[in-house]
């Protein structure tokens, strides 16, 4: 079977590396994605892990060891990524719990603190969202604003901007990911500041 052949052909060039990489990607992406989904329980995290795995493979293509089976090599690399994912996730959750305990203690010590802190947090989140929207590419920004601020449907936006519905959906999905990432970064910054 081709999956059991060595990782790289003996004579490799950029063109050969690209062909081998594309072959691995098309042959193994779905298996790796399913494994990552099963381990993480999150399709979004699984997609990111498999994407990162193939990005790492591409960067290290010329220095990959010869003589290993492709599937077992890729699965081993994926398990390493999943391990690091859970390690960093556990660390984040530990810090969030510490933050919650700290904030709960502050709220008990000063009854007005919780209200003031909540207002500050809402303002910081609002500013982070506005900053992220401002930084979006123009087409994405127009689509996002029409959908979330003007309550236009995907079909309405697609018709008015002469775009396909799938393009509008894709742009909204990417915009949502950007906003979630910005809010997560804000939460980490707030925790580190404390």
N, C-alpha and C. Protein backbone atom coordinates (compact mmCIF):
# COMPACT_ATOMS: atom_id res chain seq x y z
N UNK A 1 0.83 -1.19 0.00
CA UNK A 1 0.00 0.00 0.00
C UNK A 1 0.87 1.25 0.00
N UNK A 2 0.35 2.31 -0.61
CA UNK A 2 1.18 3.51 -0.71
C UNK A 2 1.39 4.15 0.64
N UNK A 3 0.45 3.94 1.59
CA UNK A 3 0.60 4.56 2.91
C UNK A 3 1.81 4.02 3.66
N UNK A 4 2.26 2.83 3.32
CA UNK A 4 3.38 2.22 4.02
C UNK A 4 4.72 2.51 3.37
N UNK A 5 4.69 3.28 2.31
CA UNK A 5 5.97 3.57 1.66
C UNK A 5 6.72 4.63 2.46
N UNK A 6 8.02 4.82 2.17
CA UNK A 6 8.80 5.81 2.93
C UNK A 6 8.20 7.20 2.81
N UNK A 7 8.53 8.03 3.77
CA UNK A 7 7.98 9.38 3.83
C UNK A 7 8.28 10.19 2.58
N UNK A 8 9.50 10.17 2.11
CA UNK A 8 9.86 10.98 0.94
C UNK A 8 10.56 10.12 -0.10
N UNK A 9 10.41 10.47 -1.38
CA UNK A 9 11.20 9.79 -2.39
C UNK A 9 12.67 10.14 -2.19
N UNK A 10 13.55 9.29 -2.66
CA UNK A 10 14.98 9.51 -2.46
C UNK A 10 15.47 10.78 -3.17
N UNK A 11 14.99 11.03 -4.38
CA UNK A 11 15.40 12.24 -5.09
C UNK A 11 14.30 13.27 -4.93
N UNK A 12 14.51 14.22 -4.05
CA UNK A 12 13.45 15.20 -3.81
C UNK A 12 13.88 16.58 -4.29
N UNK A 13 12.92 17.25 -4.86
CA UNK A 13 13.10 18.63 -5.29
C UNK A 13 11.87 19.39 -4.81
N UNK A 14 11.85 20.69 -5.05
CA UNK A 14 10.69 21.48 -4.62
C UNK A 14 9.43 20.94 -5.27
N UNK A 15 9.51 20.64 -6.57
CA UNK A 15 8.35 20.13 -7.29
C UNK A 15 7.91 18.79 -6.71
N UNK A 16 8.86 17.90 -6.46
CA UNK A 16 8.54 16.60 -5.88
C UNK A 16 7.97 16.77 -4.48
N UNK A 17 8.57 17.63 -3.66
CA UNK A 17 8.06 17.89 -2.32
C UNK A 17 6.62 18.38 -2.36
N UNK A 18 6.34 19.27 -3.29
CA UNK A 18 4.98 19.80 -3.40
C UNK A 18 4.01 18.70 -3.81
N UNK A 19 4.41 17.85 -4.74
CA UNK A 19 3.55 16.75 -5.17
C UNK A 19 3.30 15.78 -4.03
N UNK A 20 4.36 15.44 -3.30
CA UNK A 20 4.23 14.52 -2.17
C UNK A 20 3.33 15.13 -1.10
N UNK A 21 3.55 16.41 -0.80
CA UNK A 21 2.73 17.10 0.20
C UNK A 21 1.26 17.07 -0.20
N UNK A 22 0.96 17.42 -1.45
CA UNK A 22 -0.42 17.42 -1.92
C UNK A 22 -1.04 16.03 -1.83
N UNK A 23 -0.25 15.02 -2.17
CA UNK A 23 -0.74 13.65 -2.10
C UNK A 23 -1.07 13.28 -0.65
N UNK A 24 -0.19 13.60 0.28
CA UNK A 24 -0.44 13.30 1.69
C UNK A 24 -1.69 14.03 2.18
N UNK A 25 -1.78 15.29 1.81
CA UNK A 25 -2.90 16.11 2.26
C UNK A 25 -4.22 15.49 1.80
N UNK A 26 -4.32 15.18 0.52
CA UNK A 26 -5.57 14.65 -0.02
C UNK A 26 -5.87 13.24 0.48
N UNK A 27 -4.84 12.45 0.73
CA UNK A 27 -5.04 11.08 1.20
C UNK A 27 -5.35 11.01 2.70
N UNK A 28 -4.81 11.92 3.49
CA UNK A 28 -4.87 11.76 4.94
C UNK A 28 -5.63 12.85 5.69
N UNK A 29 -6.01 13.94 5.03
CA UNK A 29 -6.64 15.04 5.74
C UNK A 29 -7.89 14.58 6.48
N UNK A 30 -8.76 13.86 5.81
CA UNK A 30 -10.02 13.47 6.42
C UNK A 30 -9.81 12.56 7.64
N UNK A 31 -8.91 11.59 7.52
CA UNK A 31 -8.61 10.71 8.66
C UNK A 31 -8.08 11.51 9.84
N UNK A 32 -7.13 12.41 9.57
CA UNK A 32 -6.55 13.22 10.65
C UNK A 32 -7.60 14.14 11.28
N UNK A 33 -8.46 14.70 10.45
CA UNK A 33 -9.51 15.58 10.96
C UNK A 33 -10.46 14.80 11.87
N UNK A 34 -10.88 13.59 11.42
CA UNK A 34 -11.78 12.78 12.25
C UNK A 34 -11.12 12.40 13.57
N UNK A 35 -9.84 12.03 13.53
CA UNK A 35 -9.13 11.70 14.77
C UNK A 35 -9.06 12.90 15.70
N UNK A 36 -8.74 14.06 15.14
CA UNK A 36 -8.64 15.28 15.96
C UNK A 36 -10.00 15.65 16.54
N UNK A 37 -11.07 15.51 15.75
CA UNK A 37 -12.43 15.79 16.26
C UNK A 37 -12.76 14.86 17.41
N UNK A 38 -12.43 13.59 17.25
CA UNK A 38 -12.72 12.61 18.28
C UNK A 38 -11.97 12.93 19.57
N UNK A 39 -10.72 13.35 19.44
CA UNK A 39 -9.90 13.63 20.62
C UNK A 39 -10.27 14.95 21.29
N UNK A 40 -10.56 15.99 20.49
CA UNK A 40 -10.81 17.32 21.07
C UNK A 40 -12.29 17.57 21.35
N UNK A 41 -13.17 16.92 20.59
CA UNK A 41 -14.60 17.17 20.75
C UNK A 41 -15.04 18.47 20.10
N UNK A 42 -14.17 19.08 19.31
CA UNK A 42 -14.48 20.37 18.68
C UNK A 42 -14.00 20.35 17.24
N UNK A 43 -14.94 20.52 16.30
CA UNK A 43 -14.57 20.53 14.88
C UNK A 43 -13.67 21.72 14.57
N UNK A 44 -13.95 22.87 15.18
CA UNK A 44 -13.14 24.06 14.91
C UNK A 44 -11.70 23.87 15.40
N UNK A 45 -11.54 23.34 16.60
CA UNK A 45 -10.19 23.09 17.12
C UNK A 45 -9.50 22.00 16.32
N UNK A 46 -10.25 20.97 15.92
CA UNK A 46 -9.67 19.88 15.11
C UNK A 46 -9.18 20.42 13.78
N UNK A 47 -9.98 21.29 13.15
CA UNK A 47 -9.57 21.88 11.87
C UNK A 47 -8.27 22.67 12.05
N UNK A 48 -8.19 23.46 13.10
CA UNK A 48 -6.98 24.25 13.36
C UNK A 48 -5.77 23.35 13.60
N UNK A 49 -5.96 22.27 14.36
CA UNK A 49 -4.84 21.37 14.65
C UNK A 49 -4.32 20.70 13.38
N UNK A 50 -5.24 20.21 12.54
CA UNK A 50 -4.82 19.54 11.30
C UNK A 50 -4.18 20.55 10.36
N UNK A 51 -4.73 21.74 10.30
CA UNK A 51 -4.14 22.79 9.46
C UNK A 51 -2.72 23.10 9.94
N UNK A 52 -2.54 23.27 11.24
CA UNK A 52 -1.21 23.54 11.79
C UNK A 52 -0.26 22.38 11.52
N UNK A 53 -0.76 21.16 11.62
CA UNK A 53 0.08 19.99 11.34
C UNK A 53 0.61 20.03 9.92
N UNK A 54 -0.28 20.27 8.95
CA UNK A 54 0.18 20.30 7.56
C UNK A 54 1.07 21.51 7.28
N UNK A 55 0.83 22.62 7.96
CA UNK A 55 1.73 23.78 7.81
C UNK A 55 3.12 23.42 8.33
N UNK A 56 3.18 22.73 9.47
CA UNK A 56 4.48 22.30 10.00
C UNK A 56 5.17 21.32 9.06
N UNK A 57 4.39 20.40 8.50
CA UNK A 57 4.94 19.41 7.56
C UNK A 57 5.53 20.14 6.35
N UNK A 58 4.80 21.10 5.83
CA UNK A 58 5.29 21.83 4.66
C UNK A 58 6.59 22.57 4.97
N UNK A 59 6.65 23.21 6.13
CA UNK A 59 7.86 23.94 6.50
C UNK A 59 9.06 23.01 6.70
N UNK A 60 8.81 21.79 7.17
CA UNK A 60 9.93 20.89 7.45
C UNK A 60 10.12 19.83 6.37
N UNK A 61 9.47 19.99 5.23
CA UNK A 61 9.51 18.99 4.17
C UNK A 61 10.93 18.55 3.79
N UNK A 62 11.86 19.46 3.53
CA UNK A 62 13.20 19.01 3.11
C UNK A 62 13.95 18.23 4.19
N UNK A 63 13.60 18.41 5.46
CA UNK A 63 14.38 17.75 6.52
C UNK A 63 13.65 16.57 7.15
N UNK A 64 12.56 16.11 6.55
CA UNK A 64 11.84 14.97 7.11
C UNK A 64 12.69 13.71 7.00
N UNK A 65 12.62 12.84 8.01
CA UNK A 65 13.40 11.61 7.98
C UNK A 65 12.85 10.64 6.94
N UNK A 66 13.73 9.91 6.29
CA UNK A 66 13.32 8.90 5.32
C UNK A 66 13.06 7.59 6.04
N UNK A 67 12.27 6.73 5.41
CA UNK A 67 12.14 5.38 5.92
C UNK A 67 10.98 5.14 6.87
N UNK A 68 10.14 6.13 7.15
CA UNK A 68 8.98 5.91 8.02
C UNK A 68 7.73 5.82 7.16
N UNK A 69 6.70 5.16 7.66
CA UNK A 69 5.43 5.07 6.95
C UNK A 69 4.68 6.39 7.11
N UNK A 70 4.07 6.84 6.03
CA UNK A 70 3.42 8.15 6.01
C UNK A 70 2.29 8.25 7.04
N UNK A 71 1.35 7.31 6.99
CA UNK A 71 0.18 7.41 7.86
C UNK A 71 0.60 7.41 9.33
N UNK A 72 1.47 6.50 9.71
CA UNK A 72 1.86 6.44 11.12
C UNK A 72 2.62 7.70 11.53
N UNK A 73 3.41 8.25 10.62
CA UNK A 73 4.14 9.49 10.91
C UNK A 73 3.16 10.64 11.14
N UNK A 74 2.18 10.79 10.24
CA UNK A 74 1.21 11.89 10.35
C UNK A 74 0.34 11.74 11.60
N UNK A 75 -0.09 10.52 11.90
CA UNK A 75 -0.91 10.29 13.10
C UNK A 75 -0.10 10.60 14.36
N UNK A 76 1.17 10.20 14.38
CA UNK A 76 2.02 10.50 15.54
C UNK A 76 2.18 12.01 15.70
N UNK A 77 2.39 12.72 14.59
CA UNK A 77 2.50 14.19 14.65
C UNK A 77 1.20 14.81 15.16
N UNK A 78 0.06 14.27 14.70
CA UNK A 78 -1.23 14.79 15.15
C UNK A 78 -1.41 14.57 16.65
N UNK A 79 -1.06 13.39 17.14
CA UNK A 79 -1.21 13.13 18.57
C UNK A 79 -0.33 14.08 19.39
N UNK A 80 0.82 14.42 18.87
CA UNK A 80 1.67 15.40 19.55
C UNK A 80 0.97 16.76 19.60
N UNK A 81 0.35 17.16 18.49
CA UNK A 81 -0.39 18.43 18.45
C UNK A 81 -1.56 18.40 19.44
N UNK A 82 -2.29 17.27 19.47
CA UNK A 82 -3.44 17.15 20.38
C UNK A 82 -2.97 17.22 21.84
N UNK A 83 -1.86 16.58 22.14
CA UNK A 83 -1.30 16.64 23.49
C UNK A 83 -1.00 18.09 23.88
N UNK A 84 -0.33 18.82 22.99
CA UNK A 84 -0.02 20.23 23.27
C UNK A 84 -1.29 21.07 23.40
N UNK A 85 -2.30 20.74 22.60
CA UNK A 85 -3.59 21.44 22.67
C UNK A 85 -4.20 21.29 24.07
N UNK A 86 -4.23 20.05 24.57
CA UNK A 86 -4.82 19.82 25.89
C UNK A 86 -3.97 20.42 26.99
N UNK A 87 -2.66 20.39 26.82
CA UNK A 87 -1.79 20.98 27.83
C UNK A 87 -2.04 22.49 27.92
N UNK A 88 -2.11 23.17 26.77
CA UNK A 88 -2.34 24.62 26.81
C UNK A 88 -3.77 24.94 27.24
N UNK A 89 -4.72 24.09 26.85
CA UNK A 89 -6.11 24.31 27.26
C UNK A 89 -6.25 24.17 28.77
N UNK A 90 -5.59 23.18 29.35
CA UNK A 90 -5.63 22.99 30.80
C UNK A 90 -5.04 24.17 31.53
N UNK A 91 -3.94 24.71 30.99
CA UNK A 91 -3.30 25.87 31.60
C UNK A 91 -4.22 27.08 31.54
N UNK A 92 -4.87 27.29 30.38
CA UNK A 92 -5.81 28.41 30.25
C UNK A 92 -6.96 28.27 31.23
N UNK A 93 -7.53 27.06 31.32
CA UNK A 93 -8.66 26.86 32.22
C UNK A 93 -8.25 27.10 33.68
N UNK A 94 -7.05 26.69 34.02
CA UNK A 94 -6.55 26.92 35.38
C UNK A 94 -6.48 28.42 35.66
N UNK A 95 -5.96 29.19 34.69
CA UNK A 95 -5.85 30.64 34.88
C UNK A 95 -7.23 31.29 34.94
N UNK A 96 -8.18 30.81 34.12
CA UNK A 96 -9.53 31.37 34.17
C UNK A 96 -10.18 31.10 35.53
N UNK A 97 -9.96 29.91 36.09
CA UNK A 97 -10.51 29.61 37.41
C UNK A 97 -9.90 30.51 38.48
N UNK A 98 -8.59 30.74 38.38
CA UNK A 98 -7.94 31.64 39.33
C UNK A 98 -8.49 33.06 39.19
N UNK A 99 -8.73 33.48 37.95
CA UNK A 99 -9.29 34.81 37.71
C UNK A 99 -10.70 34.90 38.31
N UNK A 100 -11.51 33.87 38.09
CA UNK A 100 -12.86 33.87 38.65
C UNK A 100 -12.83 33.96 40.17
N UNK A 101 -11.93 33.20 40.79
CA UNK A 101 -11.81 33.24 42.25
C UNK A 101 -11.40 34.62 42.73
N UNK A 102 -10.45 35.23 42.02
CA UNK A 102 -10.00 36.57 42.38
C UNK A 102 -11.14 37.58 42.26
N UNK A 103 -11.87 37.52 41.14
CA UNK A 103 -12.97 38.46 40.93
C UNK A 103 -14.08 38.24 41.96
N UNK A 104 -14.35 36.99 42.30
CA UNK A 104 -15.38 36.71 43.31
C UNK A 104 -14.95 37.29 44.66
N UNK A 105 -13.68 37.16 44.99
CA UNK A 105 -13.16 37.72 46.24
C UNK A 105 -13.28 39.24 46.23
N UNK A 106 -12.96 39.86 45.10
CA UNK A 106 -13.05 41.32 44.99
C UNK A 106 -14.49 41.78 45.15
N UNK A 107 -15.43 41.03 44.56
CA UNK A 107 -16.84 41.41 44.64
C UNK A 107 -17.34 41.34 46.07
N UNK A 108 -16.88 40.36 46.85
CA UNK A 108 -17.28 40.25 48.25
C UNK A 108 -16.68 41.39 49.07
N UNK A 109 -15.41 41.71 48.79
CA UNK A 109 -14.71 42.75 49.55
C UNK A 109 -15.31 44.13 49.29
N UNK A 110 -15.75 44.39 48.07
CA UNK A 110 -16.30 45.71 47.72
C UNK A 110 -17.54 45.50 46.85
N UNK A 111 -18.75 45.70 47.39
CA UNK A 111 -19.97 45.45 46.64
C UNK A 111 -20.07 46.26 45.34
N UNK A 112 -19.51 47.45 45.33
CA UNK A 112 -19.58 48.27 44.12
C UNK A 112 -18.58 47.81 43.06
N UNK A 113 -17.59 47.04 43.49
CA UNK A 113 -16.54 46.61 42.56
C UNK A 113 -17.11 45.81 41.40
N UNK A 114 -18.03 44.89 41.70
CA UNK A 114 -18.59 44.03 40.65
C UNK A 114 -19.30 44.86 39.59
N UNK A 115 -20.09 45.84 40.01
CA UNK A 115 -20.82 46.67 39.06
C UNK A 115 -19.85 47.51 38.22
N UNK A 116 -18.89 48.14 38.88
CA UNK A 116 -17.90 48.95 38.16
C UNK A 116 -17.10 48.08 37.21
N UNK A 117 -16.69 46.91 37.68
CA UNK A 117 -15.89 46.01 36.85
C UNK A 117 -16.69 45.53 35.64
N UNK A 118 -17.95 45.23 35.84
CA UNK A 118 -18.80 44.77 34.75
C UNK A 118 -18.93 45.86 33.68
N UNK A 119 -19.13 47.09 34.10
CA UNK A 119 -19.22 48.20 33.14
C UNK A 119 -17.90 48.37 32.39
N UNK A 120 -16.78 48.27 33.10
CA UNK A 120 -15.47 48.38 32.45
C UNK A 120 -15.26 47.25 31.46
N UNK A 121 -15.62 46.03 31.86
CA UNK A 121 -15.46 44.88 30.98
C UNK A 121 -16.29 45.04 29.71
N UNK A 122 -17.53 45.51 29.87
CA UNK A 122 -18.38 45.71 28.70
C UNK A 122 -17.79 46.76 27.76
N UNK A 123 -17.26 47.82 28.32
CA UNK A 123 -16.63 48.86 27.51
C UNK A 123 -15.40 48.32 26.79
N UNK A 124 -14.57 47.54 27.50
CA UNK A 124 -13.38 46.95 26.87
C UNK A 124 -13.75 45.99 25.75
N UNK A 125 -14.79 45.19 25.96
CA UNK A 125 -15.23 44.27 24.92
C UNK A 125 -15.75 45.05 23.72
N UNK A 126 -16.53 46.09 23.98
CA UNK A 126 -17.05 46.92 22.89
C UNK A 126 -15.91 47.54 22.09
N UNK A 127 -14.89 48.06 22.77
CA UNK A 127 -13.74 48.65 22.08
C UNK A 127 -12.98 47.60 21.28
N UNK A 128 -12.81 46.40 21.83
CA UNK A 128 -12.10 45.33 21.11
C UNK A 128 -12.86 44.94 19.85
N UNK A 129 -14.19 44.87 19.95
CA UNK A 129 -15.01 44.53 18.78
C UNK A 129 -14.91 45.62 17.73
N UNK A 130 -15.04 46.87 18.14
CA UNK A 130 -14.94 47.98 17.19
C UNK A 130 -13.58 48.01 16.50
N UNK A 131 -12.53 47.77 17.26
CA UNK A 131 -11.18 47.76 16.70
C UNK A 131 -11.04 46.63 15.67
N UNK A 132 -11.59 45.46 15.99
CA UNK A 132 -11.49 44.32 15.07
C UNK A 132 -12.30 44.58 13.81
N UNK A 133 -13.48 45.17 13.96
CA UNK A 133 -14.31 45.49 12.79
C UNK A 133 -13.59 46.50 11.91
N UNK A 134 -12.98 47.51 12.51
CA UNK A 134 -12.24 48.52 11.75
C UNK A 134 -11.09 47.88 10.97
N UNK A 135 -10.47 46.85 11.53
CA UNK A 135 -9.34 46.20 10.88
C UNK A 135 -9.72 45.17 9.83
N UNK A 136 -11.01 44.90 9.66
CA UNK A 136 -11.43 43.90 8.68
C UNK A 136 -11.25 44.44 7.26
N UNK A 137 -11.02 43.53 6.30
CA UNK A 137 -11.03 43.96 4.90
C UNK A 137 -12.38 44.59 4.56
N UNK A 138 -12.38 45.49 3.61
CA UNK A 138 -13.56 46.29 3.33
C UNK A 138 -14.80 45.45 3.02
N UNK A 139 -14.66 44.43 2.18
CA UNK A 139 -15.82 43.60 1.82
C UNK A 139 -16.36 42.89 3.06
N UNK A 140 -15.49 42.33 3.86
CA UNK A 140 -15.91 41.62 5.07
C UNK A 140 -16.61 42.58 6.02
N UNK A 141 -16.06 43.79 6.16
CA UNK A 141 -16.64 44.78 7.06
C UNK A 141 -18.06 45.14 6.61
N UNK A 142 -18.23 45.39 5.30
CA UNK A 142 -19.56 45.75 4.79
C UNK A 142 -20.56 44.62 5.05
N UNK A 143 -20.15 43.39 4.78
CA UNK A 143 -21.04 42.24 4.98
C UNK A 143 -21.39 42.10 6.46
N UNK A 144 -20.40 42.19 7.32
CA UNK A 144 -20.62 42.02 8.75
C UNK A 144 -21.56 43.10 9.29
N UNK A 145 -21.30 44.34 8.95
CA UNK A 145 -22.14 45.45 9.44
C UNK A 145 -23.57 45.29 8.96
N UNK A 146 -23.76 44.94 7.69
CA UNK A 146 -25.12 44.77 7.18
C UNK A 146 -25.86 43.64 7.91
N UNK A 147 -25.14 42.56 8.22
CA UNK A 147 -25.77 41.42 8.85
C UNK A 147 -26.04 41.66 10.34
N UNK A 148 -25.05 42.13 11.07
CA UNK A 148 -25.19 42.23 12.52
C UNK A 148 -25.76 43.55 13.02
N UNK A 149 -25.51 44.63 12.32
CA UNK A 149 -26.02 45.91 12.79
C UNK A 149 -27.33 46.30 12.10
N UNK A 150 -27.52 45.84 10.86
CA UNK A 150 -28.73 46.20 10.12
C UNK A 150 -29.67 45.02 9.93
N UNK A 151 -29.34 43.87 10.53
CA UNK A 151 -30.18 42.66 10.49
C UNK A 151 -30.57 42.23 9.08
N UNK A 152 -29.68 42.41 8.12
CA UNK A 152 -29.97 41.94 6.77
C UNK A 152 -29.64 40.45 6.67
N UNK A 153 -30.43 39.74 5.89
CA UNK A 153 -30.20 38.31 5.72
C UNK A 153 -29.05 38.09 4.73
N UNK A 154 -28.57 36.87 4.70
CA UNK A 154 -27.49 36.52 3.78
C UNK A 154 -27.94 36.75 2.34
N UNK A 155 -29.18 36.37 2.03
CA UNK A 155 -29.70 36.56 0.67
C UNK A 155 -29.77 38.05 0.30
N UNK A 156 -30.22 38.88 1.24
CA UNK A 156 -30.30 40.32 0.97
C UNK A 156 -28.92 40.91 0.72
N UNK A 157 -27.97 40.53 1.54
CA UNK A 157 -26.61 41.06 1.39
C UNK A 157 -26.02 40.60 0.06
N UNK A 158 -26.20 39.32 -0.26
CA UNK A 158 -25.67 38.78 -1.51
C UNK A 158 -26.26 39.52 -2.71
N UNK A 159 -27.57 39.79 -2.66
CA UNK A 159 -28.22 40.50 -3.76
C UNK A 159 -27.75 41.93 -3.90
N UNK A 160 -27.65 42.64 -2.80
CA UNK A 160 -27.25 44.05 -2.84
C UNK A 160 -25.80 44.24 -3.25
N UNK A 161 -24.93 43.31 -2.84
CA UNK A 161 -23.50 43.46 -3.13
C UNK A 161 -23.05 42.64 -4.34
N UNK A 162 -24.01 41.99 -5.00
CA UNK A 162 -23.72 41.15 -6.17
C UNK A 162 -22.68 40.08 -5.85
N UNK A 163 -22.92 39.37 -4.75
CA UNK A 163 -22.03 38.29 -4.33
C UNK A 163 -22.84 37.01 -4.21
N UNK A 164 -22.15 35.88 -4.22
CA UNK A 164 -22.86 34.62 -4.00
C UNK A 164 -23.19 34.50 -2.52
N UNK A 165 -24.22 33.72 -2.22
CA UNK A 165 -24.59 33.51 -0.82
C UNK A 165 -23.45 32.84 -0.06
N UNK A 166 -22.75 31.91 -0.73
CA UNK A 166 -21.65 31.22 -0.06
C UNK A 166 -20.53 32.19 0.31
N UNK A 167 -20.26 33.17 -0.56
CA UNK A 167 -19.23 34.17 -0.25
C UNK A 167 -19.63 34.96 1.00
N UNK A 168 -20.90 35.33 1.07
CA UNK A 168 -21.39 36.08 2.24
C UNK A 168 -21.26 35.22 3.49
N UNK A 169 -21.67 33.94 3.40
CA UNK A 169 -21.55 33.03 4.55
C UNK A 169 -20.10 32.90 4.98
N UNK A 170 -19.20 32.71 4.01
CA UNK A 170 -17.78 32.56 4.33
C UNK A 170 -17.23 33.81 5.02
N UNK A 171 -17.58 34.97 4.50
CA UNK A 171 -17.09 36.22 5.08
C UNK A 171 -17.62 36.41 6.51
N UNK A 172 -18.88 36.06 6.74
CA UNK A 172 -19.44 36.16 8.09
C UNK A 172 -18.78 35.17 9.04
N UNK A 173 -18.49 33.97 8.55
CA UNK A 173 -17.81 32.97 9.38
C UNK A 173 -16.42 33.47 9.78
N UNK A 174 -15.67 33.98 8.82
CA UNK A 174 -14.32 34.47 9.10
C UNK A 174 -14.38 35.67 10.05
N UNK A 175 -15.34 36.56 9.83
CA UNK A 175 -15.48 37.73 10.71
C UNK A 175 -15.79 37.27 12.14
N UNK A 176 -16.67 36.28 12.28
CA UNK A 176 -16.99 35.76 13.60
C UNK A 176 -15.78 35.17 14.30
N UNK A 177 -14.96 34.43 13.54
CA UNK A 177 -13.73 33.86 14.11
C UNK A 177 -12.79 34.96 14.57
N UNK A 178 -12.67 36.02 13.75
CA UNK A 178 -11.79 37.13 14.12
C UNK A 178 -12.27 37.79 15.41
N UNK A 179 -13.57 37.98 15.53
CA UNK A 179 -14.11 38.62 16.74
C UNK A 179 -13.93 37.74 17.97
N UNK A 180 -14.16 36.44 17.82
CA UNK A 180 -13.95 35.53 18.96
C UNK A 180 -12.49 35.55 19.40
N UNK A 181 -11.59 35.56 18.42
CA UNK A 181 -10.16 35.58 18.74
C UNK A 181 -9.80 36.88 19.46
N UNK A 182 -10.36 38.01 19.01
CA UNK A 182 -10.07 39.30 19.64
C UNK A 182 -10.57 39.33 21.08
N UNK A 183 -11.74 38.77 21.32
CA UNK A 183 -12.30 38.75 22.68
C UNK A 183 -11.49 37.82 23.58
N UNK A 184 -11.06 36.68 23.03
CA UNK A 184 -10.21 35.77 23.82
C UNK A 184 -8.90 36.46 24.19
N UNK A 185 -8.31 37.18 23.24
CA UNK A 185 -7.06 37.89 23.52
C UNK A 185 -7.28 38.95 24.60
N UNK A 186 -8.42 39.61 24.55
CA UNK A 186 -8.74 40.60 25.58
C UNK A 186 -8.83 39.93 26.95
N UNK A 187 -9.48 38.77 27.01
CA UNK A 187 -9.61 38.06 28.28
C UNK A 187 -8.23 37.67 28.83
N UNK A 188 -7.34 37.23 27.96
CA UNK A 188 -5.99 36.87 28.39
C UNK A 188 -5.25 38.11 28.88
N UNK A 189 -5.38 39.22 28.17
CA UNK A 189 -4.71 40.46 28.58
C UNK A 189 -5.22 40.93 29.93
N UNK A 190 -6.53 40.84 30.14
CA UNK A 190 -7.11 41.26 31.43
C UNK A 190 -6.55 40.39 32.54
N UNK A 191 -6.47 39.08 32.29
CA UNK A 191 -5.95 38.19 33.31
C UNK A 191 -4.49 38.49 33.61
N UNK A 192 -3.69 38.69 32.58
CA UNK A 192 -2.27 38.96 32.79
C UNK A 192 -2.07 40.30 33.50
N UNK A 193 -2.96 41.25 33.26
CA UNK A 193 -2.86 42.56 33.90
C UNK A 193 -3.12 42.46 35.39
N UNK A 194 -4.04 41.54 35.77
CA UNK A 194 -4.35 41.37 37.19
C UNK A 194 -3.15 40.77 37.87
